[in-house]
Amino acid sequence: VYADVNSGYFDAIEVNILMNLLKVIDNKRQDIPLLSVLRSPVFQLSTQELIKIRAGSRKETYFEALEDYSRDHEDQLAEKLRSFLDRIGRWKEESRYIPMEDFLWKLLKESNYYYYVGAMPGGAQRQANIRVLLDRARQFQQTSMKGLFHFIKFVDQLKSSSGDMGAAKILGENDNVVRVMSIHKSKG
């Protein structure tokens, strides 16, 4: 059965943070995903700490400022940043040989993010949103493409093609399925 629904999946903060974490693991030099992940429950930097990192460097990218701070200082923030860099580097290496679904579970368990979102208001729904992303990772593994970069592109294609992960255009007009539609969707 196939249902073309739009549930606002990509608006969920837990999905955004997890996707930003994957983007940072793939390429640390993306400032917006980097700031999102640093501020998130995964790494828990405060706004004041983020400002301190940026104010201490004249480099163009935030990642370069972060590297400078972690190298040039010996305070608690510098230790947090070194830990961040170590974890991201290790996760990047592991993403090269661990299947995507297993890699996502590893991230969720090591960061305790899955349990964190479960403890938030609406936690069961939030964890279900993350499990949908894991299901998409399982689907991705069955394709000929491999790797973190391609998985991010796969998810971006799903988002741009239909605005929702559940409504990806994977079925054609003549596929042998039962289509469930609202009256609005069935017009025309």
N, C-alpha and C. Protein backbone atom coordinates (compact mmCIF):
# COMPACT_ATOMS: atom_id res chain seq x y z
N VAL A 1 0.85 -1.17 0.00
CA VAL A 1 0.00 0.00 0.00
C VAL A 1 0.90 1.23 0.00
N TYR A 2 0.44 2.29 -0.61
CA TYR A 2 1.20 3.53 -0.72
C TYR A 2 0.28 4.69 -0.38
N ALA A 3 0.73 5.54 0.52
CA ALA A 3 -0.03 6.74 0.87
C ALA A 3 0.86 7.95 0.68
N ASP A 4 0.37 8.92 -0.04
CA ASP A 4 1.10 10.16 -0.29
C ASP A 4 0.67 11.17 0.76
N VAL A 5 1.44 11.25 1.86
CA VAL A 5 1.08 12.12 2.96
C VAL A 5 2.19 13.13 3.23
N ASN A 6 1.81 14.24 3.83
CA ASN A 6 2.76 15.28 4.19
C ASN A 6 2.61 15.53 5.69
N SER A 7 3.56 15.03 6.48
CA SER A 7 3.40 15.10 7.93
C SER A 7 4.33 16.11 8.59
N GLY A 8 5.06 16.90 7.83
CA GLY A 8 5.96 17.87 8.43
C GLY A 8 7.17 17.24 9.08
N TYR A 9 7.57 16.10 8.57
CA TYR A 9 8.66 15.32 9.17
C TYR A 9 9.95 16.13 9.27
N PHE A 10 10.31 16.85 8.24
CA PHE A 10 11.59 17.56 8.23
C PHE A 10 11.59 18.81 9.10
N ASP A 11 10.42 19.20 9.62
CA ASP A 11 10.37 20.32 10.55
C ASP A 11 10.71 19.89 11.97
N ALA A 12 10.77 18.61 12.22
CA ALA A 12 11.05 18.10 13.56
C ALA A 12 12.50 18.41 13.94
N ILE A 13 12.69 19.03 15.10
CA ILE A 13 14.02 19.46 15.53
C ILE A 13 14.97 18.29 15.70
N GLU A 14 14.45 17.15 16.18
CA GLU A 14 15.32 15.99 16.40
C GLU A 14 15.89 15.45 15.08
N VAL A 15 15.12 15.54 14.02
CA VAL A 15 15.59 15.11 12.71
C VAL A 15 16.61 16.10 12.17
N ASN A 16 16.32 17.39 12.34
CA ASN A 16 17.26 18.42 11.88
C ASN A 16 18.62 18.29 12.56
N ILE A 17 18.61 18.09 13.87
CA ILE A 17 19.89 17.99 14.59
C ILE A 17 20.66 16.75 14.15
N LEU A 18 19.98 15.63 13.98
CA LEU A 18 20.66 14.42 13.54
C LEU A 18 21.22 14.58 12.13
N MET A 19 20.46 15.19 11.24
CA MET A 19 20.97 15.43 9.89
C MET A 19 22.14 16.41 9.90
N ASN A 20 22.08 17.43 10.76
CA ASN A 20 23.21 18.36 10.87
C ASN A 20 24.45 17.65 11.41
N LEU A 21 24.26 16.73 12.34
CA LEU A 21 25.40 15.95 12.85
C LEU A 21 26.03 15.15 11.72
N LEU A 22 25.21 14.53 10.88
CA LEU A 22 25.74 13.78 9.74
C LEU A 22 26.48 14.70 8.77
N LYS A 23 25.94 15.90 8.55
CA LYS A 23 26.60 16.86 7.65
C LYS A 23 27.95 17.29 8.21
N VAL A 24 28.02 17.48 9.52
CA VAL A 24 29.29 17.89 10.14
C VAL A 24 30.31 16.76 10.08
N ILE A 25 29.86 15.54 10.29
CA ILE A 25 30.77 14.40 10.18
C ILE A 25 31.32 14.30 8.76
N ASP A 26 30.46 14.54 7.79
CA ASP A 26 30.88 14.49 6.38
C ASP A 26 31.81 15.65 6.03
N ASN A 27 31.48 16.85 6.51
CA ASN A 27 32.27 18.04 6.18
C ASN A 27 32.16 19.04 7.33
N LYS A 28 33.21 19.16 8.13
CA LYS A 28 33.20 20.00 9.33
C LYS A 28 33.15 21.49 9.01
N ARG A 29 33.38 21.87 7.78
CA ARG A 29 33.50 23.28 7.44
C ARG A 29 32.18 23.92 7.00
N GLN A 30 31.08 23.38 7.44
CA GLN A 30 29.76 23.95 7.17
C GLN A 30 29.30 24.65 8.45
N ASP A 31 29.34 25.97 8.46
CA ASP A 31 29.12 26.72 9.70
C ASP A 31 27.75 26.51 10.34
N ILE A 32 26.68 26.54 9.58
CA ILE A 32 25.35 26.44 10.17
C ILE A 32 25.11 25.06 10.79
N PRO A 33 25.35 23.96 10.08
CA PRO A 33 25.22 22.66 10.75
C PRO A 33 26.17 22.50 11.93
N LEU A 34 27.39 23.05 11.82
CA LEU A 34 28.36 22.96 12.90
C LEU A 34 27.85 23.65 14.16
N LEU A 35 27.33 24.86 14.02
CA LEU A 35 26.81 25.59 15.18
C LEU A 35 25.60 24.88 15.77
N SER A 36 24.76 24.34 14.91
CA SER A 36 23.59 23.60 15.38
C SER A 36 24.00 22.41 16.24
N VAL A 37 24.99 21.67 15.80
CA VAL A 37 25.45 20.48 16.52
C VAL A 37 26.16 20.86 17.82
N LEU A 38 26.99 21.89 17.77
CA LEU A 38 27.70 22.32 18.98
C LEU A 38 26.72 22.77 20.06
N ARG A 39 25.65 23.44 19.66
CA ARG A 39 24.66 23.97 20.60
C ARG A 39 23.66 22.90 21.05
N SER A 40 23.58 21.80 20.32
CA SER A 40 22.59 20.74 20.57
C SER A 40 22.91 19.96 21.84
N PRO A 41 22.00 19.09 22.26
CA PRO A 41 22.24 18.23 23.43
C PRO A 41 23.38 17.24 23.21
N VAL A 42 23.82 17.05 21.98
CA VAL A 42 24.92 16.12 21.71
C VAL A 42 26.22 16.65 22.28
N PHE A 43 26.51 17.96 22.08
CA PHE A 43 27.77 18.53 22.56
C PHE A 43 27.58 19.61 23.63
N GLN A 44 26.42 20.18 23.75
CA GLN A 44 26.01 21.05 24.85
C GLN A 44 26.89 22.27 25.11
N LEU A 45 27.33 22.95 24.07
CA LEU A 45 28.05 24.21 24.28
C LEU A 45 27.02 25.32 24.48
N SER A 46 27.34 26.25 25.35
CA SER A 46 26.44 27.38 25.60
C SER A 46 26.65 28.45 24.54
N THR A 47 25.72 29.37 24.47
CA THR A 47 25.84 30.49 23.54
C THR A 47 27.08 31.32 23.87
N GLN A 48 27.34 31.52 25.16
CA GLN A 48 28.53 32.29 25.57
C GLN A 48 29.82 31.59 25.11
N GLU A 49 29.86 30.27 25.19
CA GLU A 49 31.05 29.53 24.74
C GLU A 49 31.22 29.66 23.23
N LEU A 50 30.13 29.62 22.49
CA LEU A 50 30.21 29.78 21.04
C LEU A 50 30.71 31.17 20.66
N ILE A 51 30.26 32.18 21.40
CA ILE A 51 30.72 33.55 21.16
C ILE A 51 32.21 33.68 21.49
N LYS A 52 32.63 33.06 22.58
CA LYS A 52 34.03 33.10 22.99
C LYS A 52 34.95 32.51 21.91
N ILE A 53 34.49 31.42 21.29
CA ILE A 53 35.27 30.78 20.21
C ILE A 53 35.40 31.72 19.03
N ARG A 54 34.29 32.32 18.61
CA ARG A 54 34.30 33.20 17.44
C ARG A 54 35.09 34.49 17.72
N ALA A 55 34.94 35.05 18.91
CA ALA A 55 35.61 36.30 19.25
C ALA A 55 37.12 36.13 19.34
N GLY A 56 37.58 34.93 19.60
CA GLY A 56 39.01 34.70 19.77
C GLY A 56 39.77 34.48 18.48
N SER A 57 39.11 34.58 17.34
CA SER A 57 39.80 34.30 16.07
C SER A 57 39.30 35.22 14.97
N ARG A 58 40.20 35.54 14.07
CA ARG A 58 39.85 36.36 12.91
C ARG A 58 39.71 35.51 11.64
N LYS A 59 39.73 34.19 11.80
CA LYS A 59 39.61 33.30 10.65
C LYS A 59 38.22 33.44 10.03
N GLU A 60 38.11 33.06 8.76
CA GLU A 60 36.85 33.23 8.04
C GLU A 60 35.77 32.27 8.51
N THR A 61 36.10 30.99 8.64
CA THR A 61 35.06 30.02 9.00
C THR A 61 35.05 29.77 10.50
N TYR A 62 33.90 29.37 10.98
CA TYR A 62 33.76 29.07 12.40
C TYR A 62 34.60 27.86 12.77
N PHE A 63 34.70 26.89 11.87
CA PHE A 63 35.50 25.71 12.16
C PHE A 63 36.96 26.07 12.38
N GLU A 64 37.50 26.98 11.59
CA GLU A 64 38.89 27.41 11.77
C GLU A 64 39.06 28.10 13.13
N ALA A 65 38.07 28.89 13.52
CA ALA A 65 38.11 29.54 14.83
C ALA A 65 38.08 28.49 15.94
N LEU A 66 37.27 27.47 15.75
CA LEU A 66 37.17 26.37 16.71
C LEU A 66 38.51 25.64 16.83
N GLU A 67 39.14 25.36 15.71
CA GLU A 67 40.45 24.69 15.72
C GLU A 67 41.48 25.55 16.44
N ASP A 68 41.50 26.85 16.14
CA ASP A 68 42.45 27.76 16.79
C ASP A 68 42.25 27.76 18.30
N TYR A 69 41.01 27.86 18.73
CA TYR A 69 40.73 27.91 20.17
C TYR A 69 41.17 26.61 20.85
N SER A 70 40.86 25.48 20.24
CA SER A 70 41.22 24.20 20.86
C SER A 70 42.73 24.01 20.94
N ARG A 71 43.45 24.59 20.00
CA ARG A 71 44.91 24.45 19.96
C ARG A 71 45.60 25.47 20.88
N ASP A 72 45.06 26.68 20.99
CA ASP A 72 45.74 27.77 21.67
C ASP A 72 45.37 27.96 23.13
N HIS A 73 44.37 27.24 23.62
CA HIS A 73 43.92 27.44 25.00
C HIS A 73 43.98 26.13 25.79
N GLU A 74 44.01 26.27 27.09
CA GLU A 74 44.06 25.10 27.98
C GLU A 74 42.97 25.19 29.05
N ASP A 75 41.79 25.64 28.67
CA ASP A 75 40.69 25.72 29.63
C ASP A 75 39.67 24.62 29.36
N GLN A 76 38.57 24.65 30.11
CA GLN A 76 37.54 23.62 29.98
C GLN A 76 36.90 23.63 28.59
N LEU A 77 36.70 24.82 28.03
CA LEU A 77 36.12 24.92 26.69
C LEU A 77 37.04 24.28 25.65
N ALA A 78 38.33 24.54 25.76
CA ALA A 78 39.28 23.94 24.81
C ALA A 78 39.24 22.41 24.91
N GLU A 79 39.09 21.90 26.12
CA GLU A 79 38.99 20.44 26.31
C GLU A 79 37.72 19.90 25.65
N LYS A 80 36.61 20.61 25.79
CA LYS A 80 35.35 20.21 25.14
C LYS A 80 35.54 20.18 23.62
N LEU A 81 36.23 21.19 23.10
CA LEU A 81 36.43 21.27 21.65
C LEU A 81 37.34 20.15 21.15
N ARG A 82 38.38 19.83 21.91
CA ARG A 82 39.25 18.71 21.52
C ARG A 82 38.47 17.39 21.54
N SER A 83 37.61 17.23 22.52
CA SER A 83 36.76 16.04 22.58
C SER A 83 35.82 16.00 21.37
N PHE A 84 35.25 17.15 21.03
CA PHE A 84 34.38 17.24 19.85
C PHE A 84 35.14 16.83 18.59
N LEU A 85 36.33 17.39 18.40
CA LEU A 85 37.12 17.09 17.20
C LEU A 85 37.50 15.61 17.14
N ASP A 86 37.85 15.03 18.30
CA ASP A 86 38.19 13.60 18.34
C ASP A 86 36.99 12.74 17.95
N ARG A 87 35.83 13.05 18.53
CA ARG A 87 34.63 12.25 18.23
C ARG A 87 34.22 12.38 16.76
N ILE A 88 34.25 13.59 16.24
CA ILE A 88 33.87 13.79 14.84
C ILE A 88 34.85 13.06 13.92
N GLY A 89 36.14 13.14 14.22
CA GLY A 89 37.13 12.44 13.41
C GLY A 89 36.94 10.92 13.45
N ARG A 90 36.68 10.40 14.63
CA ARG A 90 36.46 8.95 14.77
C ARG A 90 35.20 8.53 14.05
N TRP A 91 34.13 9.32 14.21
CA TRP A 91 32.87 8.99 13.52
C TRP A 91 33.03 9.07 12.00
N LYS A 92 33.81 10.02 11.52
CA LYS A 92 34.03 10.12 10.08
C LYS A 92 34.73 8.87 9.56
N GLU A 93 35.72 8.41 10.28
CA GLU A 93 36.42 7.19 9.89
C GLU A 93 35.48 5.99 9.91
N GLU A 94 34.68 5.87 10.96
CA GLU A 94 33.75 4.74 11.08
C GLU A 94 32.66 4.79 10.01
N SER A 95 32.27 5.98 9.58
CA SER A 95 31.22 6.10 8.57
C SER A 95 31.65 5.51 7.24
N ARG A 96 32.94 5.33 7.06
CA ARG A 96 33.45 4.79 5.79
C ARG A 96 33.24 3.29 5.65
N TYR A 97 33.15 2.58 6.77
CA TYR A 97 33.05 1.13 6.65
C TYR A 97 31.86 0.50 7.38
N ILE A 98 31.14 1.26 8.18
CA ILE A 98 29.96 0.72 8.88
C ILE A 98 28.73 1.01 8.02
N PRO A 99 27.85 0.02 7.81
CA PRO A 99 26.62 0.28 7.05
C PRO A 99 25.84 1.44 7.68
N MET A 100 25.15 2.22 6.85
CA MET A 100 24.55 3.47 7.29
C MET A 100 23.58 3.30 8.46
N GLU A 101 22.72 2.31 8.41
CA GLU A 101 21.77 2.13 9.51
C GLU A 101 22.50 1.83 10.82
N ASP A 102 23.51 0.97 10.76
CA ASP A 102 24.29 0.65 11.96
C ASP A 102 25.07 1.86 12.45
N PHE A 103 25.57 2.66 11.51
CA PHE A 103 26.31 3.86 11.87
C PHE A 103 25.41 4.86 12.59
N LEU A 104 24.19 5.04 12.09
CA LEU A 104 23.25 5.95 12.76
C LEU A 104 22.93 5.48 14.17
N TRP A 105 22.70 4.16 14.33
CA TRP A 105 22.44 3.64 15.68
C TRP A 105 23.63 3.88 16.59
N LYS A 106 24.83 3.70 16.05
CA LYS A 106 26.05 3.92 16.84
C LYS A 106 26.12 5.38 17.30
N LEU A 107 25.83 6.31 16.40
CA LEU A 107 25.81 7.73 16.77
C LEU A 107 24.79 8.01 17.86
N LEU A 108 23.60 7.47 17.68
CA LEU A 108 22.52 7.70 18.64
C LEU A 108 22.86 7.14 20.02
N LYS A 109 23.49 5.99 20.06
CA LYS A 109 23.84 5.38 21.34
C LYS A 109 25.02 6.08 22.00
N GLU A 110 26.07 6.37 21.23
CA GLU A 110 27.26 7.01 21.81
C GLU A 110 26.98 8.42 22.30
N SER A 111 26.09 9.11 21.62
CA SER A 111 25.78 10.48 22.01
C SER A 111 24.63 10.55 23.01
N ASN A 112 23.95 9.42 23.24
CA ASN A 112 22.75 9.36 24.09
C ASN A 112 21.62 10.22 23.55
N TYR A 113 21.69 10.60 22.31
CA TYR A 113 20.69 11.49 21.72
C TYR A 113 19.32 10.82 21.62
N TYR A 114 19.29 9.54 21.28
CA TYR A 114 18.02 8.82 21.17
C TYR A 114 17.28 8.83 22.50
N TYR A 115 18.02 8.62 23.59
CA TYR A 115 17.41 8.61 24.91
C TYR A 115 17.02 10.02 25.34
N TYR A 116 17.82 11.00 24.95
CA TYR A 116 17.52 12.39 25.28
C TYR A 116 16.18 12.82 24.66
N VAL A 117 16.01 12.54 23.36
CA VAL A 117 14.75 12.95 22.73
C VAL A 117 13.58 12.16 23.29
N GLY A 118 13.81 10.95 23.74
CA GLY A 118 12.76 10.16 24.36
C GLY A 118 12.29 10.74 25.67
N ALA A 119 13.17 11.46 26.36
CA ALA A 119 12.83 12.08 27.64
C ALA A 119 12.18 13.45 27.48
N MET A 120 12.19 13.99 26.28
CA MET A 120 11.58 15.29 26.01
C MET A 120 10.06 15.14 25.93
N PRO A 121 9.33 16.25 26.05
CA PRO A 121 7.87 16.18 25.82
C PRO A 121 7.60 15.63 24.42
N GLY A 122 6.68 14.70 24.31
CA GLY A 122 6.42 14.05 23.02
C GLY A 122 7.52 13.11 22.62
N GLY A 123 8.22 12.56 23.59
CA GLY A 123 9.39 11.74 23.34
C GLY A 123 9.14 10.52 22.46
N ALA A 124 8.00 9.87 22.65
CA ALA A 124 7.71 8.69 21.84
C ALA A 124 7.62 9.07 20.36
N GLN A 125 6.98 10.20 20.07
CA GLN A 125 6.88 10.67 18.69
C GLN A 125 8.25 11.06 18.15
N ARG A 126 9.06 11.71 18.98
CA ARG A 126 10.40 12.12 18.55
C ARG A 126 11.27 10.90 18.23
N GLN A 127 11.21 9.88 19.07
CA GLN A 127 11.97 8.66 18.80
C GLN A 127 11.44 7.97 17.54
N ALA A 128 10.14 8.02 17.33
CA ALA A 128 9.57 7.45 16.11
C ALA A 128 10.08 8.19 14.88
N ASN A 129 10.23 9.51 14.97
CA ASN A 129 10.78 10.28 13.86
C ASN A 129 12.20 9.84 13.54
N ILE A 130 12.99 9.58 14.57
CA ILE A 130 14.36 9.12 14.36
C ILE A 130 14.36 7.71 13.74
N ARG A 131 13.43 6.87 14.19
CA ARG A 131 13.36 5.52 13.62
C ARG A 131 12.97 5.55 12.14
N VAL A 132 12.17 6.54 11.74
CA VAL A 132 11.85 6.69 10.31
C VAL A 132 13.12 6.98 9.53
N LEU A 133 13.98 7.82 10.08
CA LEU A 133 15.25 8.10 9.41
C LEU A 133 16.11 6.83 9.33
N LEU A 134 16.08 6.02 10.37
CA LEU A 134 16.80 4.75 10.34
C LEU A 134 16.22 3.82 9.27
N ASP A 135 14.91 3.84 9.09
CA ASP A 135 14.29 3.05 8.02
C ASP A 135 14.76 3.53 6.65
N ARG A 136 14.89 4.83 6.51
CA ARG A 136 15.40 5.37 5.24
C ARG A 136 16.86 4.97 5.03
N ALA A 137 17.63 4.89 6.11
CA ALA A 137 19.01 4.43 6.00
C ALA A 137 19.04 2.98 5.53
N ARG A 138 18.11 2.18 6.01
CA ARG A 138 18.02 0.78 5.58
C ARG A 138 17.67 0.73 4.09
N GLN A 139 16.75 1.58 3.65
CA GLN A 139 16.42 1.64 2.22
C GLN A 139 17.64 2.06 1.41
N PHE A 140 18.37 3.05 1.91
CA PHE A 140 19.55 3.55 1.22
C PHE A 140 20.59 2.44 1.05
N GLN A 141 20.75 1.60 2.05
CA GLN A 141 21.72 0.50 1.99
C GLN A 141 21.41 -0.47 0.86
N GLN A 142 20.16 -0.53 0.46
CA GLN A 142 19.78 -1.45 -0.61
C GLN A 142 20.02 -0.87 -1.99
N THR A 143 20.42 0.39 -2.05
CA THR A 143 20.74 1.00 -3.34
C THR A 143 22.20 0.72 -3.68
N SER A 144 22.60 1.12 -4.85
CA SER A 144 23.99 0.90 -5.27
C SER A 144 24.93 1.95 -4.68
N MET A 145 24.38 3.05 -4.16
CA MET A 145 25.23 4.11 -3.60
C MET A 145 25.60 3.76 -2.16
N LYS A 146 26.77 4.18 -1.76
CA LYS A 146 27.24 3.92 -0.40
C LYS A 146 27.87 5.19 0.15
N GLY A 147 28.00 5.27 1.45
CA GLY A 147 28.72 6.36 2.09
C GLY A 147 27.83 7.45 2.65
N LEU A 148 28.40 8.18 3.58
CA LEU A 148 27.69 9.23 4.29
C LEU A 148 27.27 10.37 3.36
N PHE A 149 28.17 10.80 2.49
CA PHE A 149 27.86 11.89 1.57
C PHE A 149 26.63 11.54 0.72
N HIS A 150 26.61 10.33 0.19
CA HIS A 150 25.50 9.91 -0.65
C HIS A 150 24.21 9.75 0.15
N PHE A 151 24.31 9.34 1.42
CA PHE A 151 23.12 9.25 2.24
C PHE A 151 22.52 10.63 2.49
N ILE A 152 23.36 11.61 2.76
CA ILE A 152 22.88 12.99 2.97
C ILE A 152 22.19 13.49 1.69
N LYS A 153 22.79 13.22 0.55
CA LYS A 153 22.17 13.62 -0.72
C LYS A 153 20.86 12.88 -0.94
N PHE A 154 20.81 11.60 -0.56
CA PHE A 154 19.59 10.80 -0.67
C PHE A 154 18.47 11.43 0.15
N VAL A 155 18.76 11.82 1.37
CA VAL A 155 17.75 12.45 2.23
C VAL A 155 17.36 13.82 1.67
N ASP A 156 18.34 14.58 1.19
CA ASP A 156 18.04 15.89 0.59
C ASP A 156 17.13 15.74 -0.63
N GLN A 157 17.34 14.70 -1.42
CA GLN A 157 16.48 14.44 -2.58
C GLN A 157 15.06 14.13 -2.13
N LEU A 158 14.94 13.33 -1.08
CA LEU A 158 13.62 13.01 -0.56
C LEU A 158 12.92 14.28 -0.08
N LYS A 159 13.67 15.14 0.57
CA LYS A 159 13.10 16.39 1.10
C LYS A 159 12.68 17.31 -0.04
N SER A 160 13.51 17.48 -1.03
CA SER A 160 13.22 18.43 -2.10
C SER A 160 12.18 17.91 -3.09
N SER A 161 12.10 16.60 -3.26
CA SER A 161 11.17 16.07 -4.25
C SER A 161 9.73 16.13 -3.78
N SER A 162 9.52 16.09 -2.45
CA SER A 162 8.13 16.04 -2.00
C SER A 162 7.87 16.82 -0.73
N GLY A 163 8.89 17.37 -0.12
CA GLY A 163 8.70 18.13 1.10
C GLY A 163 8.58 17.27 2.34
N ASP A 164 8.58 15.96 2.19
CA ASP A 164 8.45 15.06 3.34
C ASP A 164 9.12 13.74 3.02
N MET A 165 9.76 13.17 4.01
CA MET A 165 10.46 11.91 3.82
C MET A 165 9.50 10.79 3.43
N GLY A 166 8.33 10.74 4.04
CA GLY A 166 7.39 9.67 3.78
C GLY A 166 6.78 9.72 2.39
N ALA A 167 6.91 10.85 1.73
CA ALA A 167 6.25 11.01 0.44
C ALA A 167 7.25 11.04 -0.71
N ALA A 168 8.35 10.35 -0.57
CA ALA A 168 9.35 10.31 -1.64
C ALA A 168 8.77 9.63 -2.88
N LYS A 169 9.15 10.14 -4.04
CA LYS A 169 8.62 9.60 -5.29
C LYS A 169 9.41 8.37 -5.70
N ILE A 170 9.05 7.25 -5.07
CA ILE A 170 9.73 6.00 -5.41
C ILE A 170 8.82 5.08 -6.21
N LEU A 171 7.57 5.46 -6.40
CA LEU A 171 6.63 4.65 -7.17
C LEU A 171 6.23 5.38 -8.44
N GLY A 172 6.06 4.62 -9.50
CA GLY A 172 5.63 5.20 -10.76
C GLY A 172 4.12 5.06 -10.94
N GLU A 173 3.61 5.57 -12.04
CA GLU A 173 2.18 5.54 -12.33
C GLU A 173 1.64 4.11 -12.43
N ASN A 174 2.43 3.20 -12.96
CA ASN A 174 1.92 1.86 -13.25
C ASN A 174 2.31 0.80 -12.23
N ASP A 175 2.85 1.20 -11.09
CA ASP A 175 3.21 0.22 -10.06
C ASP A 175 1.96 -0.43 -9.50
N ASN A 176 2.09 -1.70 -9.17
CA ASN A 176 0.96 -2.49 -8.69
C ASN A 176 0.81 -2.33 -7.19
N VAL A 177 0.20 -1.24 -6.76
CA VAL A 177 -0.01 -0.96 -5.33
C VAL A 177 -1.42 -0.39 -5.14
N VAL A 178 -1.88 -0.46 -3.92
CA VAL A 178 -3.12 0.21 -3.56
C VAL A 178 -2.73 1.60 -3.05
N ARG A 179 -3.30 2.63 -3.66
CA ARG A 179 -2.97 4.00 -3.27
C ARG A 179 -4.04 4.53 -2.33
N VAL A 180 -3.61 5.04 -1.19
CA VAL A 180 -4.51 5.67 -0.24
C VAL A 180 -4.35 7.18 -0.39
N MET A 181 -5.43 7.89 -0.70
CA MET A 181 -5.35 9.33 -0.90
C MET A 181 -6.54 10.03 -0.26
N SER A 182 -6.32 11.28 0.07
CA SER A 182 -7.42 12.11 0.54
C SER A 182 -8.24 12.53 -0.68
N ILE A 183 -9.41 13.05 -0.46
CA ILE A 183 -10.25 13.52 -1.57
C ILE A 183 -9.51 14.61 -2.32
N HIS A 184 -8.83 15.48 -1.59
CA HIS A 184 -8.08 16.58 -2.21
C HIS A 184 -6.99 16.04 -3.14
N LYS A 185 -6.24 15.05 -2.71
CA LYS A 185 -5.14 14.50 -3.50
C LYS A 185 -5.65 13.73 -4.70
N SER A 186 -6.85 13.17 -4.64
CA SER A 186 -7.33 12.33 -5.73
C SER A 186 -7.94 13.14 -6.88
N LYS A 187 -8.16 14.42 -6.69
CA LYS A 187 -8.73 15.25 -7.77
C LYS A 187 -7.77 15.31 -8.94
N GLY A 188 -8.31 15.27 -10.13
CA GLY A 188 -7.50 15.39 -11.34
C GLY A 188 -6.94 14.08 -11.74
